[in-house]
Amino acid sequence: RITGLLQNTSGMWVNPHGVKTSDTAMGTNRYPAPFTGVPFYAGESATNFLATERNFLQLDTNYDLDGQNHFFLRFWGVYEPSYAFEQNYRTVVAESLNTTGNRSGCFPPGIGGVTGLTHCTASSASDFYNQLGFREAWWRMSAGPLRLFTGRQIVTWGESLAFRIADVVNPQDLSWNFGFANLEQSRIPQYMIHPIVELPEFSWLTQNFAEGIWEPPIQAMDSNWLFSDTPDHRYSGAMGNGDSVNTLAPFGGRFDVAYQTPFGGPVGAGRFAAYPQGSFLSNFDPSTGPGRGVVWRFPGTQLQDSQEGIRFHTLIDQLVEATFLYWHGHQYNPSAQNRVLVPGAFNGFDHKPIMQSMFIFPQLNDVGFTANMPLNIPGQLGSMFPFVLRSEGVWQDRTPFATRNPGNLSGLKYSDTVNTLVALDADQIYAPWLTSTGGSLTLNLEWNNYMVLSPSKYMEYSPLTFQQMRNREESFIFAASTSWWWQSISPQWVMVYNPDGNTFLLFPNVALVPPWTSQYFMKLQYIGVISNNIQDTQAGGLLKGKNFILAQFQWNFNVL
């Protein structure tokens, strides 16, 4: 059986004047021209209102060899055009994104080393987001109580709408969208061996099963050479396991963030030397120091770089559905660390150590749980509101944080963390006051609490953000959805709130489905960020200004 979908997503910036990014080459934060300067010649423009124009084809093949063997294959084809925000080679923004560009056929010709004139056609920007290849491919073999999944696949252990707490298995591709706005498509499939074994019932524990995962340390990046590496070549020499971590937006890209200094001014992504360890106590290696970015050290391809985990599922007393998990792997986001190349005693110039800044992905251990249970509210209220209580939590050892402590030359400090979620769901609420044409009301409320067990006044959430880390971080999600005219019109309100800076992440949308078929539909959505703190990476304030409206058209089809 072969099924598929064809999807087009067109999005426009609400205010392109407010879209900012960071430039690694110059170490500055820029607004794209023409809002900061005059184009070099008539008709040249550095930006417009186009935020995204993503064309997406997905083909799924399901094949049953017999009753015990099932094969699944998913193909992805993605095309995005060149974006003026990233493509214009006359701006420092494009210069940052495109360290390699084709200068042939350019008039006036590019001039290397001159700001705004370095590159010509910005070829890497035009191909960076395109994909062509097999996304998932796995084989399921069943034998008695055992189901064995082998191949490239996605495994979801967490249950949150947007927060990744117990969802520890797959990294995310954050280069082309906001991951929390489209979590499912942003997950990166991993090659793994994934057995699930049904277990016998024991006393008041029923529906028992255990599952294990082993991910080999060979998770190759996309094989299409045009976009398998980012323009700053961070994956160069580490392609063998590059897909085992999050794919971040390239510096200078549309979804890059605007980094800030402690004094409120802009700073480039290569300016790790703004930390006291780099500015006052050491010298950076000239080949990788300020203005030249950092060295990337990705997880290796040795056996010790494997990721593995186990999860146990049970139903307690026919009431509480619970899972318990353990995961050993590495961080999916990089942490910046200074490494001493030459001790100060051997540096005759100024007797300060010569250091190198690098992004690393330290190993971790996660221990967590999930638990769901219905809330039996007595009387008519219980029948009207079928609430379900949801919770999950993960303890992690040695979570890395950036630190400004001058006594810590590495610029990196570790602390255990506890990440928890408590949620309340109500599905299919009878609401005749809201809709009388076959719909109902669904509500979701989530409270996420992230706690650092060994906080410090020098610690930050991530390097280059200069945002003081709080020992507790609170975030909330509220979602409400309904439908009218027998599911033909389905509005949904989704909102994430963080008290810091009164930050709101808004995702209201409405899906329109013709009443005569569900084969195709349209979705209109607004993505907005409201915040009084543009330096907050945890709350989402760094994304402020990147508000856009999108229209999504999708056609579902059957081939065989």
Protein backbone atom coordinates (compact mmCIF):
# COMPACT_ATOMS: atom_id res chain seq x y z
CA ARG A 1 0.00 0.00 0.00
CA ILE A 2 1.39 3.39 -1.04
CA THR A 3 -0.06 6.62 0.32
CA GLY A 4 1.22 10.16 0.31
CA LEU A 5 0.62 13.83 0.70
CA LEU A 6 1.55 16.97 -1.17
CA GLN A 7 1.83 20.10 0.94
CA ASN A 8 2.59 23.75 0.32
CA THR A 9 3.31 26.19 3.16
CA SER A 10 3.46 29.88 2.31
CA GLY A 11 4.30 32.36 5.07
CA MET A 12 4.77 36.11 5.22
CA TRP A 13 6.57 38.15 7.88
CA VAL A 14 4.22 40.42 9.77
CA ASN A 15 6.94 43.06 10.03
CA PRO A 16 10.22 42.35 8.20
CA HIS A 17 11.70 45.52 9.74
CA GLY A 18 11.79 43.68 13.07
CA VAL A 19 13.51 40.55 11.78
CA LYS A 20 17.07 40.45 13.07
CA THR A 21 19.85 37.93 12.90
CA SER A 22 23.48 37.59 13.95
CA ASP A 23 26.45 37.86 11.65
CA THR A 24 29.37 35.61 12.51
CA ALA A 25 31.85 37.15 10.11
CA MET A 26 31.70 40.66 11.53
CA GLY A 27 30.56 39.91 15.07
CA THR A 28 27.64 42.31 14.75
CA ASN A 29 23.89 42.19 14.79
CA ARG A 30 22.27 43.65 11.69
CA TYR A 31 18.91 44.52 10.27
CA PRO A 32 18.77 43.42 6.64
CA ALA A 33 18.89 46.10 3.96
CA PRO A 34 17.12 48.08 2.60
CA PHE A 35 16.12 49.14 6.10
CA THR A 36 19.70 50.01 7.12
CA GLY A 37 21.10 51.28 3.87
CA VAL A 38 20.69 51.97 0.21
CA PRO A 39 20.89 49.01 -2.21
CA PHE A 40 24.04 48.86 -4.30
CA TYR A 41 22.18 49.28 -7.56
CA ALA A 42 18.63 49.78 -8.75
CA GLY A 43 16.34 46.84 -8.09
CA GLU A 44 18.58 45.13 -5.53
CA SER A 45 16.83 44.31 -2.28
CA ALA A 46 18.00 42.34 0.74
CA THR A 47 14.67 41.33 2.19
CA ASN A 48 10.94 41.16 1.57
CA PHE A 49 7.86 39.86 3.34
CA LEU A 50 8.38 36.19 2.35
CA ALA A 51 9.09 34.11 5.47
CA THR A 52 8.67 30.60 4.05
CA GLU A 53 7.66 28.90 0.83
CA ARG A 54 8.05 25.21 1.62
CA ASN A 55 6.91 22.60 -0.90
CA PHE A 56 6.77 19.14 0.58
CA LEU A 57 6.08 15.67 -0.86
CA GLN A 58 5.76 12.60 1.36
CA LEU A 59 5.29 9.02 0.14
CA ASP A 60 4.64 6.14 2.58
CA THR A 61 5.00 2.51 1.57
CA ASN A 62 3.64 -0.26 3.81
CA TYR A 63 4.32 -3.84 2.78
CA ASP A 64 3.37 -7.02 4.65
CA LEU A 65 5.55 -9.93 3.62
CA ASP A 66 3.53 -12.23 5.86
CA GLY A 67 1.85 -12.13 9.24
CA GLN A 68 5.17 -11.71 11.05
CA ASN A 69 7.11 -9.28 8.83
CA HIS A 70 6.13 -5.70 7.98
CA PHE A 71 8.17 -3.10 6.09
CA PHE A 72 7.72 0.68 6.17
CA LEU A 73 9.41 3.23 3.92
CA ARG A 74 8.89 7.00 3.98
CA PHE A 75 10.23 9.27 1.25
CA TRP A 76 10.63 13.03 1.60
CA GLY A 77 11.09 15.60 -1.11
CA VAL A 78 11.37 19.24 -0.01
CA TYR A 79 11.97 22.31 -2.14
CA GLU A 80 12.31 25.86 -0.88
CA PRO A 81 13.32 28.76 -3.12
CA SER A 82 16.06 31.26 -2.40
CA TYR A 83 14.99 33.77 0.22
CA ALA A 84 15.91 37.41 -0.21
CA PHE A 85 16.68 37.61 3.49
CA GLU A 86 19.47 35.04 3.08
CA GLN A 87 20.31 35.15 -0.61
CA ASN A 88 21.40 38.75 -1.14
CA TYR A 89 25.17 38.64 -1.33
CA ARG A 90 25.57 42.41 -0.78
CA THR A 91 24.51 42.30 2.85
CA VAL A 92 26.54 41.22 5.85
CA VAL A 93 23.65 38.93 6.75
CA ALA A 94 24.12 36.94 3.55
CA GLU A 95 27.88 37.11 3.96
CA SER A 96 27.49 35.41 7.32
CA LEU A 97 25.28 32.64 5.97
CA ASN A 98 27.22 32.00 2.76
CA THR A 99 30.88 31.42 3.42
CA THR A 100 31.06 29.69 0.05
CA GLY A 101 29.46 31.35 -2.93
CA ASN A 102 29.83 31.19 -6.69
CA ARG A 103 31.19 34.49 -7.99
CA SER A 104 30.93 33.65 -11.67
CA GLY A 105 28.58 35.80 -13.72
CA CYS A 106 28.36 38.46 -11.04
CA PHE A 107 28.31 42.16 -11.77
CA PRO A 108 29.84 43.97 -10.06
CA PRO A 109 32.18 41.11 -9.06
CA GLY A 110 32.58 40.08 -5.45
CA ILE A 111 35.56 41.38 -3.51
CA GLY A 112 36.91 39.03 -0.88
CA GLY A 113 37.37 40.50 2.58
CA VAL A 114 35.21 43.55 1.95
CA THR A 115 32.04 43.74 4.03
CA GLY A 116 28.97 43.32 1.86
CA LEU A 117 31.01 42.51 -1.25
CA THR A 118 32.52 39.16 -0.32
CA HIS A 119 30.16 36.79 -2.10
CA CYS A 120 28.22 36.86 -5.28
CA THR A 121 25.48 34.29 -5.86
CA ALA A 122 25.23 32.85 -2.34
CA SER A 123 24.82 29.35 -3.73
CA SER A 124 24.74 27.56 -0.38
CA ALA A 125 21.77 29.63 0.81
CA SER A 126 19.71 28.65 -2.21
CA ASP A 127 20.14 24.91 -1.58
CA PHE A 128 20.41 24.63 2.19
CA TYR A 129 16.78 23.73 2.98
CA ASN A 130 16.12 21.31 0.12
CA GLN A 131 15.82 17.59 0.83
CA LEU A 132 15.50 14.51 -1.32
CA GLY A 133 15.72 11.01 0.11
CA PHE A 134 14.29 8.36 2.40
CA ARG A 135 13.41 9.73 5.82
CA GLU A 136 12.27 6.55 7.60
CA ALA A 137 12.91 2.94 6.66
CA TRP A 138 12.32 0.09 9.11
CA TRP A 139 11.38 -3.57 9.34
CA ARG A 140 9.09 -4.96 12.05
CA MET A 141 9.44 -8.64 12.88
CA SER A 142 6.92 -10.28 15.23
CA ALA A 143 7.58 -13.53 17.06
CA GLY A 144 5.34 -14.41 19.99
CA PRO A 145 5.61 -11.68 22.66
CA LEU A 146 8.45 -9.97 20.77
CA ARG A 147 8.19 -7.17 18.22
CA LEU A 148 11.54 -6.08 16.80
CA PHE A 149 11.85 -2.80 14.88
CA THR A 150 15.09 -2.39 12.94
CA GLY A 151 16.05 0.61 10.82
CA ARG A 152 15.69 4.38 10.74
CA GLN A 153 12.70 5.42 12.83
CA ILE A 154 11.10 7.88 15.25
CA VAL A 155 10.23 6.82 18.80
CA THR A 156 8.14 9.15 20.98
CA TRP A 157 8.30 8.59 24.73
CA GLY A 158 7.05 11.99 25.88
CA GLU A 159 3.45 13.21 25.75
CA SER A 160 3.69 17.00 26.00
CA LEU A 161 2.22 19.19 23.27
CA ALA A 162 5.47 21.15 22.87
CA PHE A 163 7.83 20.63 25.84
CA ARG A 164 10.44 17.91 25.37
CA ILE A 165 10.71 16.24 28.78
CA ALA A 166 10.46 12.45 28.50
CA ASP A 167 10.75 12.73 24.72
CA VAL A 168 14.48 11.99 24.81
CA VAL A 169 15.08 9.66 21.86
CA ASN A 170 15.15 11.74 18.66
CA PRO A 171 16.95 15.05 18.07
CA GLN A 172 15.29 17.85 16.07
CA ASP A 173 15.89 19.73 12.84
CA LEU A 174 15.44 23.38 13.87
CA SER A 175 16.97 24.91 10.75
CA TRP A 176 13.76 25.55 8.84
CA ASN A 177 11.06 26.21 11.46
CA PHE A 178 10.33 26.68 15.14
CA GLY A 179 10.48 23.15 16.54
CA PHE A 180 7.82 23.78 19.16
CA ALA A 181 5.40 24.89 16.41
CA ASN A 182 5.79 21.69 14.39
CA LEU A 183 7.28 19.08 16.70
CA GLU A 184 6.37 15.96 14.74
CA GLN A 185 7.99 16.91 11.43
CA SER A 186 11.04 18.39 13.14
CA ARG A 187 12.15 15.11 14.74
CA ILE A 188 15.20 13.53 13.08
CA PRO A 189 14.79 9.74 12.60
CA GLN A 190 17.61 7.60 13.99
CA TYR A 191 19.02 4.25 12.97
CA MET A 192 18.26 1.90 15.83
CA ILE A 193 17.47 -1.60 17.02
CA HIS A 194 14.19 -1.30 18.93
CA PRO A 195 12.69 -4.44 20.55
CA ILE A 196 9.36 -4.42 22.43
CA VAL A 197 8.59 -7.44 24.62
CA GLU A 198 5.17 -8.11 26.16
CA LEU A 199 5.40 -9.19 29.80
CA PRO A 200 2.97 -11.25 31.88
CA GLU A 201 0.56 -9.58 34.26
CA PHE A 202 1.62 -9.37 37.87
CA SER A 203 -0.88 -8.68 40.64
CA TRP A 204 -2.41 -5.25 39.96
CA LEU A 205 0.08 -4.51 37.15
CA THR A 206 -1.43 -5.24 33.72
CA GLN A 207 -0.67 -4.38 30.08
CA ASN A 208 3.01 -4.77 30.84
CA PHE A 209 5.71 -4.48 28.23
CA ALA A 210 9.36 -3.44 28.07
CA GLU A 211 11.14 -1.78 25.18
CA GLY A 212 14.80 -1.15 24.55
CA ILE A 213 16.65 1.06 22.09
CA TRP A 214 20.22 0.93 20.85
CA GLU A 215 21.37 3.62 18.44
CA PRO A 216 24.72 2.91 16.76
CA PRO A 217 27.13 5.88 16.59
CA ILE A 218 26.67 6.19 12.84
CA GLN A 219 23.85 8.65 12.16
CA ALA A 220 24.99 10.19 8.88
CA MET A 221 23.80 13.60 7.78
CA ASP A 222 21.67 13.90 4.65
CA SER A 223 23.54 12.48 1.67
CA ASN A 224 22.67 15.36 -0.65
CA TRP A 225 26.00 17.12 -0.85
CA LEU A 226 24.61 20.59 -1.48
CA PHE A 227 23.09 20.87 1.96
CA SER A 228 24.63 18.14 4.07
CA ASP A 229 26.91 20.70 5.73
CA THR A 230 26.01 24.11 7.08
CA PRO A 231 27.63 27.10 5.37
CA ASP A 232 30.00 27.62 8.29
CA HIS A 233 31.22 24.02 7.80
CA ARG A 234 30.49 23.01 11.38
CA TYR A 235 29.88 19.40 10.27
CA SER A 236 33.09 19.13 8.26
CA GLY A 237 34.93 15.97 9.26
CA ALA A 238 32.08 14.76 11.47
CA MET A 239 29.52 13.63 8.94
CA GLY A 240 29.42 10.08 10.26
CA ASN A 241 27.37 10.98 13.35
CA GLY A 242 26.09 14.47 12.52
CA ASP A 243 22.41 13.52 12.61
CA SER A 244 22.61 12.40 16.24
CA VAL A 245 22.28 16.02 17.46
CA ASN A 246 19.92 18.90 16.73
CA THR A 247 20.36 20.64 13.39
CA LEU A 248 20.38 24.31 14.30
CA ALA A 249 19.59 27.29 12.13
CA PRO A 250 22.74 28.56 10.39
CA PHE A 251 24.12 31.86 11.62
CA GLY A 252 22.53 34.56 9.52
CA GLY A 253 19.53 32.39 8.60
CA ARG A 254 15.89 33.38 8.90
CA PHE A 255 15.39 31.40 12.10
CA ASP A 256 18.66 32.35 13.74
CA VAL A 257 18.38 34.41 16.92
CA ALA A 258 19.80 37.81 17.82
CA TYR A 259 22.50 37.39 20.46
CA GLN A 260 23.09 40.17 23.00
CA THR A 261 25.98 41.41 25.14
CA PRO A 262 25.66 42.05 28.89
CA PHE A 263 25.38 45.75 28.08
CA GLY A 264 22.37 45.33 25.79
CA GLY A 265 24.25 45.64 22.52
CA PRO A 266 24.55 43.02 19.79
CA VAL A 267 27.23 40.39 19.61
CA GLY A 268 28.17 37.88 16.93
CA ALA A 269 28.08 34.15 17.45
CA GLY A 270 31.88 33.93 17.30
CA ARG A 271 32.35 36.41 20.15
CA PHE A 272 32.68 33.94 22.99
CA ALA A 273 35.63 36.11 24.06
CA ALA A 274 33.11 38.54 25.55
CA TYR A 275 33.20 36.25 28.58
CA PRO A 276 35.74 37.24 31.24
CA GLN A 277 37.71 34.03 30.63
CA GLY A 278 38.32 35.09 27.03
CA SER A 279 38.61 38.84 27.33
CA PHE A 280 40.85 39.29 30.34
CA LEU A 281 42.44 36.03 31.39
CA SER A 282 43.54 34.43 28.12
CA ASN A 283 44.25 34.78 24.44
CA PHE A 284 42.27 32.90 21.82
CA ASP A 285 43.98 30.85 19.17
CA PRO A 286 43.98 33.27 16.20
CA SER A 287 42.67 30.60 13.83
CA THR A 288 39.53 30.00 15.91
CA GLY A 289 39.26 33.06 18.11
CA PRO A 290 36.96 36.06 18.14
CA GLY A 291 35.39 36.83 14.81
CA ARG A 292 36.29 33.39 13.43
CA GLY A 293 33.63 31.31 15.17
CA VAL A 294 34.32 28.17 17.17
CA VAL A 295 35.44 24.60 16.63
CA TRP A 296 32.67 22.00 16.58
CA ARG A 297 33.35 18.64 18.22
CA PHE A 298 30.48 16.28 17.41
CA PRO A 299 29.85 12.88 19.02
CA GLY A 300 32.27 10.37 17.59
CA THR A 301 31.71 7.12 15.77
CA GLN A 302 33.22 4.80 18.37
CA LEU A 303 31.17 2.23 20.26
CA GLN A 304 31.23 4.35 23.42
CA ASP A 305 29.39 7.09 21.48
CA SER A 306 26.29 4.89 21.10
CA GLN A 307 22.99 5.92 22.66
CA GLU A 308 20.76 3.42 24.43
CA GLY A 309 17.76 3.31 26.69
CA ILE A 310 15.03 1.14 28.19
CA ARG A 311 11.42 1.81 29.13
CA PHE A 312 8.87 -0.21 31.10
CA HIS A 313 5.11 0.29 30.60
CA THR A 314 2.31 -0.84 32.90
CA LEU A 315 -1.30 -0.16 33.89
CA ILE A 316 -1.58 0.14 37.66
CA ASP A 317 -4.84 -1.10 39.18
CA GLN A 318 -6.68 -0.52 35.89
CA LEU A 319 -6.40 3.21 36.62
CA VAL A 320 -2.92 4.71 36.17
CA GLU A 321 -1.02 4.22 32.92
CA ALA A 322 2.65 4.60 33.80
CA THR A 323 6.06 4.26 32.19
CA PHE A 324 9.56 4.31 33.71
CA LEU A 325 12.57 5.05 31.55
CA TYR A 326 16.35 5.25 31.52
CA TRP A 327 18.33 6.87 28.70
CA HIS A 328 22.08 7.18 28.18
CA GLY A 329 23.23 9.45 25.39
CA HIS A 330 24.56 12.92 24.76
CA GLN A 331 23.22 16.46 24.71
CA TYR A 332 21.41 17.41 21.51
CA ASN A 333 22.31 21.11 21.78
CA PRO A 334 25.95 22.24 21.88
CA SER A 335 27.73 23.67 24.90
CA ALA A 336 30.63 26.09 24.46
CA GLN A 337 33.85 25.15 26.23
CA ASN A 338 37.26 26.81 26.33
CA ARG A 339 40.28 24.53 25.98
CA VAL A 340 43.79 25.58 26.97
CA LEU A 341 46.21 25.03 24.08
CA VAL A 342 49.28 26.73 25.59
CA PRO A 343 49.50 27.32 29.37
CA GLY A 344 50.21 30.87 30.44
CA ALA A 345 53.61 29.93 31.86
CA PHE A 346 54.76 28.98 28.36
CA ASN A 347 53.34 32.04 26.62
CA GLY A 348 56.16 34.57 26.63
CA PHE A 349 54.05 37.32 25.06
CA ASP A 350 51.77 38.23 27.98
CA HIS A 351 51.88 35.07 30.13
CA LYS A 352 48.18 34.38 29.54
CA PRO A 353 47.06 30.96 28.29
CA ILE A 354 46.23 30.56 24.63
CA MET A 355 42.77 29.02 24.41
CA GLN A 356 40.45 27.54 21.83
CA SER A 357 36.67 27.73 22.01
CA MET A 358 34.70 24.70 20.89
CA PHE A 359 31.12 23.44 20.88
CA ILE A 360 30.78 20.02 22.49
CA PHE A 361 27.94 17.59 23.22
CA PRO A 362 28.58 16.05 26.67
CA GLN A 363 27.18 12.66 27.60
CA LEU A 364 24.21 12.35 29.95
CA ASN A 365 22.02 9.96 31.92
CA ASP A 366 18.25 10.48 32.11
CA VAL A 367 15.93 8.74 34.58
CA GLY A 368 12.26 9.53 34.16
CA PHE A 369 8.60 8.54 34.24
CA THR A 370 5.20 9.32 32.74
CA ALA A 371 1.82 8.77 34.40
CA ASN A 372 -1.76 9.32 33.23
CA MET A 373 -5.01 8.76 35.08
CA PRO A 374 -8.64 9.87 34.70
CA LEU A 375 -10.10 12.19 37.32
CA ASN A 376 -13.42 10.87 38.55
CA ILE A 377 -15.40 14.00 39.39
CA PRO A 378 -18.72 13.06 41.02
CA GLY A 379 -22.08 14.16 39.71
CA GLN A 380 -23.06 15.81 36.47
CA LEU A 381 -19.85 17.83 36.39
CA GLY A 382 -17.82 14.65 35.93
CA SER A 383 -19.85 13.59 32.90
CA MET A 384 -19.54 17.05 31.36
CA PHE A 385 -15.77 17.34 31.90
CA PRO A 386 -13.93 14.02 31.38
CA PHE A 387 -10.61 15.25 32.79
CA VAL A 388 -7.37 13.26 32.52
CA LEU A 389 -4.37 14.09 34.71
CA ARG A 390 -1.04 13.75 32.92
CA SER A 391 2.46 14.02 34.36
CA GLU A 392 6.03 13.25 33.39
CA GLY A 393 9.45 14.02 34.79
CA VAL A 394 13.14 13.46 34.04
CA TRP A 395 16.19 13.77 36.27
CA GLN A 396 19.41 14.40 34.34
CA ASP A 397 22.94 14.25 35.68
CA ARG A 398 25.61 16.80 34.73
CA THR A 399 23.62 19.15 32.54
CA PRO A 400 26.11 21.67 31.07
CA PHE A 401 25.65 25.43 31.48
CA ALA A 402 27.73 28.39 30.38
CA THR A 403 29.41 30.30 33.19
CA ARG A 404 31.00 33.74 33.44
CA ASN A 405 33.02 32.77 36.52
CA PRO A 406 36.58 34.06 35.90
CA GLY A 407 37.92 31.21 37.99
CA ASN A 408 36.48 28.66 35.57
CA LEU A 409 38.64 28.90 32.46
CA SER A 410 36.58 26.29 30.61
CA GLY A 411 33.51 28.55 30.70
CA LEU A 412 31.41 25.46 31.43
CA LYS A 413 29.73 24.29 34.64
CA TYR A 414 27.68 21.15 35.25
CA SER A 415 24.62 20.68 37.44
CA ASP A 416 21.95 18.02 37.89
CA THR A 417 18.51 19.12 36.69
CA VAL A 418 14.91 18.00 37.20
CA ASN A 419 12.38 18.64 34.43
CA THR A 420 8.71 17.96 35.25
CA LEU A 421 5.30 18.40 33.68
CA VAL A 422 1.80 18.35 35.14
CA ALA A 423 -1.08 18.56 32.66
CA LEU A 424 -4.86 18.49 32.66
CA ASP A 425 -6.73 17.32 29.55
CA ALA A 426 -10.42 17.31 28.76
CA ASP A 427 -11.42 15.68 25.48
CA GLN A 428 -14.81 15.72 23.75
CA ILE A 429 -16.51 18.14 26.16
CA TYR A 430 -20.19 18.48 25.31
CA ALA A 431 -20.65 22.19 24.51
CA PRO A 432 -23.98 22.96 22.82
CA TRP A 433 -23.43 26.65 23.57
CA LEU A 434 -20.35 26.56 21.34
CA THR A 435 -21.33 24.29 18.47
CA SER A 436 -24.47 22.46 17.42
CA THR A 437 -23.16 20.82 14.24
CA GLY A 438 -21.37 17.74 15.49
CA GLY A 439 -18.39 19.26 17.26
CA SER A 440 -17.18 19.34 20.85
CA LEU A 441 -14.58 21.17 22.92
CA THR A 442 -11.10 19.90 23.78
CA LEU A 443 -8.92 21.62 26.40
CA ASN A 444 -5.27 21.10 27.36
CA LEU A 445 -3.35 22.83 30.13
CA GLU A 446 0.31 22.03 30.82
CA TRP A 447 2.68 23.31 33.51
CA ASN A 448 6.39 22.74 32.95
CA ASN A 449 8.85 23.20 35.82
CA TYR A 450 12.58 23.08 35.07
CA MET A 451 14.82 23.11 38.16
CA VAL A 452 18.61 23.42 38.40
CA LEU A 453 19.85 21.67 41.53
CA SER A 454 23.24 23.46 41.78
CA PRO A 455 22.64 27.02 40.58
CA SER A 456 25.25 29.77 40.51
CA LYS A 457 25.13 33.52 40.01
CA TYR A 458 27.56 33.10 37.09
CA MET A 459 25.58 30.45 35.21
CA GLU A 460 23.67 31.00 31.96
CA TYR A 461 21.26 28.84 30.01
CA SER A 462 23.45 28.76 26.91
CA PRO A 463 26.56 30.55 25.65
CA LEU A 464 26.35 33.97 24.01
CA THR A 465 22.90 34.74 25.42
CA PHE A 466 24.17 36.50 28.57
CA GLN A 467 20.92 35.57 30.29
CA GLN A 468 21.22 34.89 34.02
CA MET A 469 20.11 31.35 34.75
CA ARG A 470 17.29 30.96 37.25
CA ASN A 471 17.24 27.91 39.47
CA ARG A 472 13.59 27.35 38.50
CA GLU A 473 11.95 27.98 35.15
CA GLU A 474 8.16 27.90 34.79
CA SER A 475 6.27 27.63 31.49
CA PHE A 476 2.62 27.00 30.70
CA ILE A 477 0.70 25.77 27.65
CA PHE A 478 -2.97 26.37 27.07
CA ALA A 479 -4.71 24.83 24.07
CA ALA A 480 -8.39 24.78 23.08
CA SER A 481 -9.97 23.37 19.95
CA THR A 482 -13.42 22.71 18.55
CA SER A 483 -15.12 22.22 15.19
CA TRP A 484 -18.15 23.49 13.34
CA TRP A 485 -20.24 22.21 10.47
CA TRP A 486 -19.32 18.55 11.11
CA GLN A 487 -15.54 19.06 11.32
CA SER A 488 -15.38 21.24 8.20
CA ILE A 489 -14.13 24.23 10.21
CA SER A 490 -11.76 23.43 13.08
CA PRO A 491 -10.25 26.37 14.99
CA GLN A 492 -7.53 25.87 17.57
CA TRP A 493 -5.85 28.19 20.04
CA VAL A 494 -2.38 27.23 21.30
CA MET A 495 -0.37 29.48 23.61
CA VAL A 496 2.88 29.08 25.57
CA TYR A 497 3.46 31.50 28.46
CA ASN A 498 6.58 32.16 30.53
CA PRO A 499 6.49 34.75 33.34
CA ASP A 500 9.94 36.08 32.45
CA GLY A 501 9.35 39.16 30.34
CA ASN A 502 5.67 38.18 30.12
CA THR A 503 6.63 36.07 27.13
CA PHE A 504 3.84 34.63 24.98
CA LEU A 505 4.34 32.21 22.08
CA LEU A 506 1.11 32.20 20.09
CA PHE A 507 -0.01 29.62 17.50
CA PRO A 508 -3.71 30.15 16.70
CA ASN A 509 -4.88 28.31 13.60
CA VAL A 510 -7.98 27.16 11.76
CA ALA A 511 -8.26 24.10 9.50
CA LEU A 512 -10.77 24.10 6.64
CA VAL A 513 -11.91 20.75 5.23
CA PRO A 514 -14.52 20.43 2.46
CA PRO A 515 -17.64 18.66 3.75
CA TRP A 516 -17.63 16.22 0.83
CA THR A 517 -14.06 14.90 1.26
CA SER A 518 -11.14 14.78 3.67
CA GLN A 519 -8.64 14.22 0.88
CA TYR A 520 -7.49 17.81 0.92
CA PHE A 521 -7.64 20.69 3.38
CA MET A 522 -6.28 24.14 4.14
CA LYS A 523 -4.87 25.59 7.36
CA LEU A 524 -4.37 29.24 8.26
CA GLN A 525 -2.03 29.99 11.16
CA TYR A 526 -0.41 32.89 12.95
CA ILE A 527 2.91 32.42 14.77
CA GLY A 528 3.75 35.26 17.11
CA VAL A 529 6.25 36.02 19.87
CA ILE A 530 5.46 38.67 22.48
CA SER A 531 8.12 39.38 25.10
CA ASN A 532 9.72 42.14 27.16
CA ASN A 533 13.03 40.24 27.36
CA ILE A 534 14.75 39.63 24.03
CA GLN A 535 17.74 37.99 25.76
CA ASP A 536 15.82 35.06 27.26
CA THR A 537 16.60 31.83 25.45
CA GLN A 538 14.58 29.62 27.80
CA ALA A 539 11.35 31.60 27.55
CA GLY A 540 11.66 32.24 23.81
CA GLY A 541 12.31 35.98 23.95
CA LEU A 542 15.25 35.60 21.56
CA LEU A 543 12.72 34.87 18.81
CA LYS A 544 10.93 38.18 19.27
CA GLY A 545 10.19 39.97 16.00
CA LYS A 546 9.87 36.81 13.90
CA ASN A 547 6.09 36.83 13.69
CA PHE A 548 4.52 35.52 10.52
CA ILE A 549 1.25 34.38 8.99
CA LEU A 550 1.12 31.17 6.98
CA ALA A 551 -1.31 29.32 4.77
CA GLN A 552 -0.88 25.57 4.36
CA PHE A 553 -2.50 23.52 1.62
CA GLN A 554 -2.41 19.71 1.73
CA TRP A 555 -3.63 16.98 -0.60
CA ASN A 556 -3.72 13.38 0.65
CA PHE A 557 -3.70 10.65 -1.98
CA ASN A 558 -3.48 6.89 -2.46
CA VAL A 559 -1.21 5.45 -5.13
CA LEU A 560 -1.82 1.73 -4.60
